[in-house]
């Protein structure tokens, strides 16, 4: 494959992957990018005679056209979804914080057990040394 074609192909793949992430991003919460890659702006609908909700806010693609390829989401829906997401994350963080005291007690217990085991290993090491000395003494007596 020609290096120029390869670079062109890689750029197209990158654009496609970016477009997929923009699609995923724009489907939930406050969108950051439109599926076309355009930036999202805060739009406030101007007061019109037939409008029942003057001043209604939207998250809208900067390149918005009513052709179905650009994104326009009511502001309320995006903010509500974002608040729900943040509330869920906050509840998960609170659960972790509630576990901290019991985890602290477990860590302290394990540290105490480790100290006890360290003392036991030191004692057993001293006994092995004493036994080694006794074996050396017995070997001297038996083989002399």
Protein backbone atom coordinates (compact mmCIF):
# COMPACT_ATOMS: atom_id res chain seq x y z
CA UNK A 1 0.00 0.00 0.00
CA UNK A 2 1.24 3.47 -0.89
CA UNK A 3 2.34 5.48 2.20
CA UNK A 4 0.10 8.37 1.13
CA UNK A 5 -2.90 6.08 0.86
CA UNK A 6 -2.05 4.49 4.18
CA UNK A 7 -1.95 7.88 5.90
CA UNK A 8 -5.22 8.87 4.24
CA UNK A 9 -6.81 5.59 5.33
CA UNK A 10 -5.57 6.08 8.91
CA UNK A 11 -7.04 9.60 9.01
CA UNK A 12 -10.40 8.31 7.77
CA UNK A 13 -10.37 5.58 10.42
CA UNK A 14 -9.56 8.14 13.11
CA UNK A 15 -12.41 10.40 11.93
CA UNK A 16 -14.79 7.44 11.99
CA UNK A 17 -13.74 6.43 15.52
CA UNK A 18 -14.13 10.04 16.67
CA UNK A 19 -17.59 10.16 15.10
CA UNK A 20 -18.57 7.00 17.02
CA UNK A 21 -17.40 8.52 20.30
CA UNK A 22 -19.31 11.73 19.49
CA UNK A 23 -22.46 9.64 18.89
CA UNK A 24 -22.05 7.87 22.23
CA UNK A 25 -21.28 11.14 23.99
CA UNK A 26 -24.27 12.95 22.57
CA UNK A 27 -26.76 10.28 23.57
CA UNK A 28 -26.54 10.76 27.33
CA UNK A 29 -26.11 13.69 29.67
CA UNK A 30 -24.64 16.99 28.55
CA UNK A 31 -23.17 16.41 25.08
CA UNK A 32 -19.64 17.61 24.32
CA UNK A 33 -19.59 17.06 20.56
CA UNK A 34 -22.14 16.50 17.80
CA UNK A 35 -21.99 13.36 15.67
CA UNK A 36 -20.59 15.55 12.87
CA UNK A 37 -17.71 16.53 15.18
CA UNK A 38 -19.00 20.07 15.63
CA UNK A 39 -18.93 21.71 19.01
CA UNK A 40 -22.07 21.99 21.12
CA UNK A 41 -23.38 25.43 22.04
CA UNK A 42 -26.02 26.57 24.51
CA UNK A 43 -28.92 27.91 22.52
CA UNK A 44 -31.85 29.86 23.92
CA UNK A 45 -34.91 29.90 21.70
CA UNK A 46 -36.04 33.45 21.00
CA UNK A 47 -39.58 34.44 21.86
CA UNK A 48 -41.91 33.74 18.99
CA UNK A 49 -45.64 34.29 18.82
CA UNK A 50 -46.50 30.62 18.32
CA UNK A 51 -43.98 29.34 20.86
CA UNK A 52 -45.54 28.02 24.06
CA UNK A 53 -42.17 27.90 25.85
CA UNK A 54 -40.30 31.13 25.06
CA UNK A 55 -36.70 31.07 26.17
CA UNK A 56 -36.43 27.28 26.07
CA UNK A 57 -32.79 26.17 26.15
CA UNK A 58 -31.07 23.56 23.97
CA UNK A 59 -27.69 21.94 23.55
CA UNK A 60 -27.23 22.44 19.82
CA UNK A 61 -24.51 21.64 17.30
CA UNK A 62 -22.75 24.76 16.03
CA UNK A 63 -23.42 23.46 12.49
CA UNK A 64 -27.07 22.63 13.18
CA UNK A 65 -29.40 22.12 10.26
CA UNK A 66 -32.73 20.31 10.53
CA UNK A 67 -31.45 17.46 8.35
CA UNK A 68 -31.19 14.78 11.04
CA UNK A 69 -27.37 14.67 10.97
CA UNK A 70 -26.77 17.26 13.69
CA UNK A 71 -27.62 17.19 17.34
CA UNK A 72 -30.13 19.30 19.24
CA UNK A 73 -31.14 18.22 22.73
CA UNK A 74 -33.38 20.06 25.18
CA UNK A 75 -31.25 21.51 27.95
CA UNK A 76 -33.46 20.11 30.71
CA UNK A 77 -33.05 16.51 29.54
CA UNK A 78 -29.26 16.76 29.31
CA UNK A 79 -28.91 18.37 32.71
CA UNK A 80 -31.30 15.88 34.31
CA UNK A 81 -29.35 12.91 32.91
CA UNK A 82 -26.08 14.48 34.07
CA UNK A 83 -27.47 15.02 37.59
CA UNK A 84 -28.66 11.39 37.71
CA UNK A 85 -25.19 10.21 36.68
CA UNK A 86 -23.48 12.39 39.27
CA UNK A 87 -25.95 11.28 41.96
CA UNK A 88 -25.14 7.65 41.22
CA UNK A 89 -21.40 8.35 41.45
CA UNK A 90 -21.95 10.19 44.75
CA UNK A 91 -23.88 7.25 46.21
CA UNK A 92 -21.08 4.87 45.19
CA UNK A 93 -18.52 7.16 46.84
CA UNK A 94 -20.61 7.29 50.03
CA UNK A 95 -20.74 3.48 50.12
CA UNK A 96 -16.96 3.37 49.87
CA UNK A 97 -16.61 5.93 52.64
CA UNK A 98 -18.94 3.88 54.85
CA UNK A 99 -16.65 0.86 54.36
CA UNK A 100 -13.54 2.75 55.46
CA UNK A 101 -13.88 2.23 59.27
CA UNK A 102 -14.27 -1.55 58.93
CA UNK A 103 -11.36 -1.68 56.49
CA UNK A 104 -9.23 0.33 58.92
CA UNK A 105 -10.01 -2.17 61.70
CA UNK A 106 -9.11 -5.07 59.38
CA UNK A 107 -5.80 -3.41 58.46
CA UNK A 108 -4.95 -2.86 62.13
CA UNK A 109 -5.80 -6.51 62.90
CA UNK A 110 -3.63 -7.75 60.05
CA UNK A 111 -0.75 -5.51 61.15
CA UNK A 112 -0.98 -6.95 64.68
CA UNK A 113 -1.02 -10.49 63.29
CA UNK A 114 2.01 -9.69 61.13
CA UNK A 115 3.92 -8.41 64.16
CA UNK A 116 3.05 -11.57 66.10
CA UNK A 117 4.16 -13.77 63.20
CA UNK A 118 7.38 -11.79 62.88
CA UNK A 119 8.14 -12.41 66.57
CA UNK A 120 7.36 -16.10 66.11
CA UNK A 121 9.71 -16.32 63.09
CA UNK A 122 12.46 -14.59 65.07
CA UNK A 123 11.98 -17.04 67.96
CA UNK A 124 12.04 -20.05 65.62
CA UNK A 125 15.16 -18.71 63.88
CA UNK A 126 16.88 -18.48 67.27
CA UNK A 127 15.85 -22.07 68.08
CA UNK A 128 17.19 -23.31 64.73
CA UNK A 129 20.48 -21.54 65.45
CA UNK A 130 20.68 -23.16 68.90
CA UNK A 131 19.94 -26.58 67.40
CA UNK A 132 22.60 -26.04 64.74
CA UNK A 133 25.14 -25.23 67.47
CA UNK A 134 24.13 -28.34 69.42
CA UNK A 135 24.44 -30.54 66.32
CA UNK A 136 27.92 -29.11 65.66
CA UNK A 137 28.91 -29.85 69.25
CA UNK A 138 27.59 -33.43 69.01
CA UNK A 139 29.45 -33.98 65.72
CA UNK A 140 32.66 -32.85 67.37
CA UNK A 141 32.15 -35.31 70.28
CA UNK A 142 31.18 -38.25 68.06
CA UNK A 143 33.87 -37.93 65.41
CA UNK A 144 36.83 -36.99 67.55
